[in-house]
N, C-alpha and C. Protein backbone atom coordinates (compact mmCIF):
# COMPACT_ATOMS: atom_id res chain seq x y z
N MET A 1 -31.15 -53.32 -15.35
CA MET A 1 -31.49 -53.33 -13.95
C MET A 1 -32.40 -52.13 -13.67
N ASP A 2 -33.33 -52.31 -12.80
CA ASP A 2 -34.32 -51.28 -12.48
C ASP A 2 -33.88 -50.55 -11.21
N TRP A 3 -33.71 -49.21 -11.29
CA TRP A 3 -33.24 -48.43 -10.17
C TRP A 3 -34.39 -47.77 -9.43
N HIS A 4 -35.60 -48.02 -9.79
CA HIS A 4 -36.78 -47.49 -9.12
C HIS A 4 -36.74 -45.97 -9.00
N ASN A 5 -36.62 -45.31 -10.14
CA ASN A 5 -36.64 -43.86 -10.25
C ASN A 5 -35.47 -43.17 -9.54
N HIS A 6 -34.35 -43.85 -9.39
CA HIS A 6 -33.14 -43.24 -8.85
C HIS A 6 -32.20 -42.93 -10.00
N MET A 7 -31.14 -42.18 -9.71
CA MET A 7 -30.20 -41.81 -10.76
C MET A 7 -29.40 -43.03 -11.22
N SER A 8 -29.02 -43.02 -12.48
CA SER A 8 -28.16 -44.07 -12.99
C SER A 8 -26.72 -43.75 -12.61
N SER A 9 -25.80 -44.64 -12.89
CA SER A 9 -24.40 -44.44 -12.49
C SER A 9 -23.80 -43.22 -13.21
N GLY A 10 -24.18 -42.96 -14.44
CA GLY A 10 -23.68 -41.79 -15.16
C GLY A 10 -24.17 -40.50 -14.53
N ALA A 11 -25.38 -40.47 -14.02
CA ALA A 11 -25.92 -39.26 -13.39
C ALA A 11 -25.20 -38.96 -12.08
N TRP A 12 -24.78 -39.98 -11.35
CA TRP A 12 -24.03 -39.77 -10.11
C TRP A 12 -22.68 -39.10 -10.40
N VAL A 13 -22.04 -39.54 -11.46
CA VAL A 13 -20.74 -38.96 -11.83
C VAL A 13 -20.92 -37.49 -12.20
N LEU A 14 -21.93 -37.19 -13.01
CA LEU A 14 -22.19 -35.81 -13.40
C LEU A 14 -22.58 -34.95 -12.20
N SER A 15 -23.30 -35.51 -11.27
CA SER A 15 -23.68 -34.78 -10.07
C SER A 15 -22.46 -34.43 -9.23
N ILE A 16 -21.56 -35.37 -9.05
CA ILE A 16 -20.35 -35.12 -8.27
C ILE A 16 -19.47 -34.10 -8.99
N LEU A 17 -19.34 -34.22 -10.30
CA LEU A 17 -18.54 -33.27 -11.08
C LEU A 17 -19.13 -31.86 -10.99
N GLY A 18 -20.44 -31.74 -11.09
CA GLY A 18 -21.10 -30.44 -10.99
C GLY A 18 -20.91 -29.82 -9.62
N MET A 19 -21.02 -30.60 -8.56
CA MET A 19 -20.83 -30.09 -7.21
C MET A 19 -19.38 -29.64 -7.00
N THR A 20 -18.42 -30.36 -7.56
CA THR A 20 -17.02 -29.99 -7.45
C THR A 20 -16.77 -28.64 -8.14
N ILE A 21 -17.34 -28.46 -9.30
CA ILE A 21 -17.19 -27.19 -10.02
C ILE A 21 -17.82 -26.04 -9.23
N MET A 22 -18.97 -26.27 -8.65
CA MET A 22 -19.63 -25.22 -7.86
C MET A 22 -18.79 -24.84 -6.64
N LEU A 23 -18.25 -25.83 -5.95
CA LEU A 23 -17.40 -25.55 -4.78
C LEU A 23 -16.14 -24.80 -5.19
N ALA A 24 -15.57 -25.13 -6.33
CA ALA A 24 -14.38 -24.43 -6.80
C ALA A 24 -14.72 -22.97 -7.11
N LEU A 25 -15.86 -22.71 -7.73
CA LEU A 25 -16.28 -21.34 -8.02
C LEU A 25 -16.49 -20.54 -6.74
N VAL A 26 -17.08 -21.16 -5.74
CA VAL A 26 -17.28 -20.47 -4.46
C VAL A 26 -15.92 -20.15 -3.83
N ALA A 27 -14.97 -21.08 -3.86
CA ALA A 27 -13.65 -20.85 -3.28
C ALA A 27 -12.92 -19.72 -4.01
N VAL A 28 -12.98 -19.72 -5.33
CA VAL A 28 -12.33 -18.66 -6.11
C VAL A 28 -12.96 -17.31 -5.79
N THR A 29 -14.27 -17.25 -5.64
CA THR A 29 -14.95 -16.00 -5.33
C THR A 29 -14.55 -15.49 -3.95
N VAL A 30 -14.46 -16.37 -2.97
CA VAL A 30 -14.07 -15.97 -1.62
C VAL A 30 -12.63 -15.44 -1.61
N VAL A 31 -11.72 -16.10 -2.31
CA VAL A 31 -10.34 -15.64 -2.37
C VAL A 31 -10.26 -14.28 -3.06
N TRP A 32 -11.00 -14.10 -4.14
CA TRP A 32 -11.00 -12.83 -4.87
C TRP A 32 -11.51 -11.69 -3.99
N ILE A 33 -12.60 -11.92 -3.27
CA ILE A 33 -13.16 -10.89 -2.38
C ILE A 33 -12.17 -10.57 -1.26
N ALA A 34 -11.53 -11.58 -0.70
CA ALA A 34 -10.56 -11.35 0.38
C ALA A 34 -9.39 -10.51 -0.11
N ARG A 35 -8.92 -10.75 -1.31
CA ARG A 35 -7.82 -9.95 -1.85
C ARG A 35 -8.26 -8.51 -2.13
N GLU A 36 -9.46 -8.32 -2.62
CA GLU A 36 -9.96 -6.98 -2.90
C GLU A 36 -10.08 -6.17 -1.60
N VAL A 37 -10.60 -6.79 -0.57
CA VAL A 37 -10.74 -6.11 0.72
C VAL A 37 -9.37 -5.84 1.31
N GLY A 38 -8.45 -6.77 1.18
CA GLY A 38 -7.10 -6.60 1.70
C GLY A 38 -6.35 -5.47 1.01
N ASP A 39 -6.56 -5.27 -0.29
CA ASP A 39 -5.90 -4.19 -1.02
C ASP A 39 -6.35 -2.82 -0.55
N ARG A 40 -7.55 -2.70 -0.08
CA ARG A 40 -8.05 -1.40 0.37
C ARG A 40 -7.49 -1.01 1.73
N ARG A 41 -6.90 -1.94 2.42
CA ARG A 41 -6.35 -1.64 3.75
C ARG A 41 -4.90 -1.20 3.69
N ARG A 42 -4.31 -1.01 2.51
CA ARG A 42 -2.90 -0.68 2.41
C ARG A 42 -2.63 0.72 1.87
N PRO A 43 -3.38 1.73 2.26
CA PRO A 43 -3.07 3.05 1.71
C PRO A 43 -1.78 3.64 2.27
N LEU A 44 -1.35 3.19 3.44
CA LEU A 44 -0.13 3.72 4.03
C LEU A 44 1.12 3.23 3.32
N ALA A 45 1.01 2.17 2.56
CA ALA A 45 2.18 1.66 1.85
C ALA A 45 2.67 2.66 0.81
N ALA A 46 1.79 3.46 0.27
CA ALA A 46 2.17 4.44 -0.74
C ALA A 46 2.70 5.72 -0.10
N ALA A 47 2.47 5.92 1.17
CA ALA A 47 2.90 7.15 1.85
C ALA A 47 4.39 7.06 2.16
N SER A 48 5.03 8.22 2.17
CA SER A 48 6.45 8.26 2.51
C SER A 48 6.61 8.10 4.03
N GLY A 49 7.83 7.84 4.44
CA GLY A 49 8.10 7.71 5.87
C GLY A 49 7.80 8.99 6.63
N ARG A 50 8.08 10.11 5.99
CA ARG A 50 7.83 11.40 6.64
C ARG A 50 6.33 11.62 6.84
N GLU A 51 5.52 11.26 5.85
CA GLU A 51 4.07 11.42 5.98
C GLU A 51 3.51 10.54 7.08
N ILE A 52 4.01 9.33 7.16
CA ILE A 52 3.56 8.41 8.22
C ILE A 52 3.95 8.96 9.58
N LEU A 53 5.17 9.48 9.68
CA LEU A 53 5.64 10.04 10.94
C LEU A 53 4.81 11.25 11.33
N ASP A 54 4.49 12.12 10.37
CA ASP A 54 3.64 13.28 10.66
C ASP A 54 2.26 12.85 11.15
N ARG A 55 1.69 11.82 10.53
CA ARG A 55 0.37 11.32 10.97
C ARG A 55 0.43 10.77 12.38
N ARG A 56 1.51 10.04 12.68
CA ARG A 56 1.62 9.46 14.02
C ARG A 56 1.74 10.54 15.09
N LEU A 57 2.46 11.63 14.78
CA LEU A 57 2.56 12.74 15.72
C LEU A 57 1.20 13.41 15.88
N ALA A 58 0.51 13.64 14.77
CA ALA A 58 -0.78 14.32 14.82
C ALA A 58 -1.82 13.50 15.58
N SER A 59 -1.76 12.18 15.46
CA SER A 59 -2.75 11.34 16.15
C SER A 59 -2.39 11.08 17.60
N GLY A 60 -1.18 11.48 18.01
CA GLY A 60 -0.78 11.28 19.40
C GLY A 60 -0.13 9.95 19.68
N GLU A 61 0.21 9.19 18.65
CA GLU A 61 0.86 7.90 18.85
C GLU A 61 2.27 8.07 19.41
N ILE A 62 2.94 9.15 19.02
CA ILE A 62 4.30 9.40 19.48
C ILE A 62 4.39 10.81 20.05
N GLU A 63 5.36 11.02 20.92
CA GLU A 63 5.59 12.33 21.54
C GLU A 63 6.52 13.15 20.65
N ALA A 64 6.63 14.44 20.96
CA ALA A 64 7.43 15.35 20.15
C ALA A 64 8.90 14.98 20.14
N ASP A 65 9.45 14.55 21.29
CA ASP A 65 10.87 14.19 21.32
C ASP A 65 11.16 12.95 20.47
N GLU A 66 10.25 11.98 20.51
CA GLU A 66 10.42 10.79 19.67
C GLU A 66 10.27 11.16 18.20
N TYR A 67 9.34 12.09 17.92
CA TYR A 67 9.15 12.57 16.56
C TYR A 67 10.45 13.19 16.03
N GLU A 68 11.07 14.05 16.85
CA GLU A 68 12.30 14.72 16.43
C GLU A 68 13.41 13.72 16.17
N GLN A 69 13.51 12.72 17.03
CA GLN A 69 14.55 11.70 16.87
C GLN A 69 14.33 10.92 15.57
N LEU A 70 13.09 10.50 15.34
CA LEU A 70 12.80 9.74 14.12
C LEU A 70 12.95 10.61 12.87
N ARG A 71 12.59 11.88 12.98
CA ARG A 71 12.71 12.79 11.85
C ARG A 71 14.18 12.97 11.47
N GLU A 72 15.06 13.08 12.48
CA GLU A 72 16.50 13.15 12.20
C GLU A 72 16.99 11.88 11.53
N THR A 73 16.46 10.74 11.97
CA THR A 73 16.84 9.47 11.37
C THR A 73 16.44 9.43 9.89
N LEU A 74 15.27 9.98 9.59
CA LEU A 74 14.82 10.01 8.20
C LEU A 74 15.58 11.04 7.37
N GLY A 75 16.24 11.99 8.01
CA GLY A 75 17.03 12.95 7.29
C GLY A 75 16.31 14.22 6.93
N GLY A 76 15.18 14.49 7.54
CA GLY A 76 14.44 15.71 7.24
C GLY A 76 14.65 16.75 8.32
N PRO A 77 14.09 17.95 8.12
CA PRO A 77 14.20 18.97 9.17
C PRO A 77 13.43 18.54 10.41
N VAL A 78 13.93 18.92 11.57
CA VAL A 78 13.34 18.49 12.82
C VAL A 78 12.03 19.21 13.09
N ASN A 79 11.95 20.48 12.76
CA ASN A 79 10.75 21.27 13.03
C ASN A 79 9.67 20.90 12.02
N PRO A 80 8.52 20.33 12.45
CA PRO A 80 7.50 19.94 11.48
C PRO A 80 6.90 21.12 10.74
N ALA A 81 6.95 22.32 11.33
CA ALA A 81 6.40 23.49 10.65
C ALA A 81 7.36 24.01 9.59
N ALA A 82 8.61 23.57 9.65
CA ALA A 82 9.60 24.07 8.70
C ALA A 82 9.38 23.54 7.30
N GLY A 83 8.78 22.38 7.18
CA GLY A 83 8.54 21.81 5.87
C GLY A 83 9.84 21.31 5.25
N PRO A 84 9.84 21.15 3.94
CA PRO A 84 11.05 20.65 3.30
C PRO A 84 12.17 21.70 3.34
N ALA A 85 13.38 21.24 3.29
CA ALA A 85 14.53 22.14 3.34
C ALA A 85 14.52 23.04 2.11
N PRO A 86 14.82 24.34 2.28
CA PRO A 86 14.80 25.24 1.13
C PRO A 86 15.93 24.93 0.16
N VAL A 87 15.68 25.17 -1.09
CA VAL A 87 16.68 24.94 -2.12
C VAL A 87 17.32 26.28 -2.44
N ARG A 88 18.65 26.33 -2.34
CA ARG A 88 19.35 27.58 -2.63
C ARG A 88 19.53 27.73 -4.13
N PRO A 89 19.28 28.93 -4.65
CA PRO A 89 19.53 29.13 -6.08
C PRO A 89 21.03 29.11 -6.35
N PRO A 90 21.42 28.72 -7.55
CA PRO A 90 22.85 28.70 -7.85
C PRO A 90 23.42 30.11 -7.83
N SER A 91 24.66 30.22 -7.43
CA SER A 91 25.29 31.55 -7.39
C SER A 91 25.53 32.04 -8.81
N PRO A 92 25.40 33.34 -9.04
CA PRO A 92 25.59 33.86 -10.39
C PRO A 92 27.05 33.74 -10.81
N PRO A 93 27.28 33.58 -12.11
CA PRO A 93 28.67 33.47 -12.56
C PRO A 93 29.38 34.81 -12.38
N PRO A 94 30.67 34.77 -12.20
CA PRO A 94 31.40 36.03 -12.02
C PRO A 94 31.30 36.88 -13.28
N SER A 95 31.18 38.18 -13.07
CA SER A 95 31.05 39.07 -14.23
C SER A 95 32.41 39.28 -14.86
N PRO A 96 32.46 39.30 -16.16
CA PRO A 96 33.77 39.50 -16.82
C PRO A 96 34.23 40.94 -16.62
N ARG A 97 35.51 41.10 -16.44
CA ARG A 97 36.08 42.44 -16.25
C ARG A 97 36.60 42.93 -17.60
N GLY A 98 36.26 44.11 -17.84
CA GLY A 98 36.71 44.70 -19.10
C GLY A 98 38.10 45.27 -18.95
N GLY A 99 38.89 45.24 -20.03
CA GLY A 99 40.20 45.86 -20.03
C GLY A 99 41.33 44.94 -19.67
N ASP A 100 41.09 43.67 -19.28
CA ASP A 100 42.18 42.75 -18.95
C ASP A 100 42.51 41.91 -20.18
N ALA A 101 42.99 42.49 -21.22
CA ALA A 101 43.24 41.71 -22.42
C ALA A 101 44.68 41.39 -22.59
């Protein structure tokens, strides 16, 4: 049969298959880019609760009284200038007394 310079039936199948592959590649690329951009927006996930709370106070999102309440809830010192709680050195062992034999 003469198709008058049009594609044969096999060429139509290859054309549809090629277009499907191209669309799949575009979809995979869009999903990959969206995930990469989304990962860059999560730096706060690595921060501790105390760091996030300090940032919120510094930016003015919360007031000092709310900061103190939340800081107590987290279990840290209330005064932001105090920093972490000091660690006490262990007490020295008692000295042995001579002559008690």
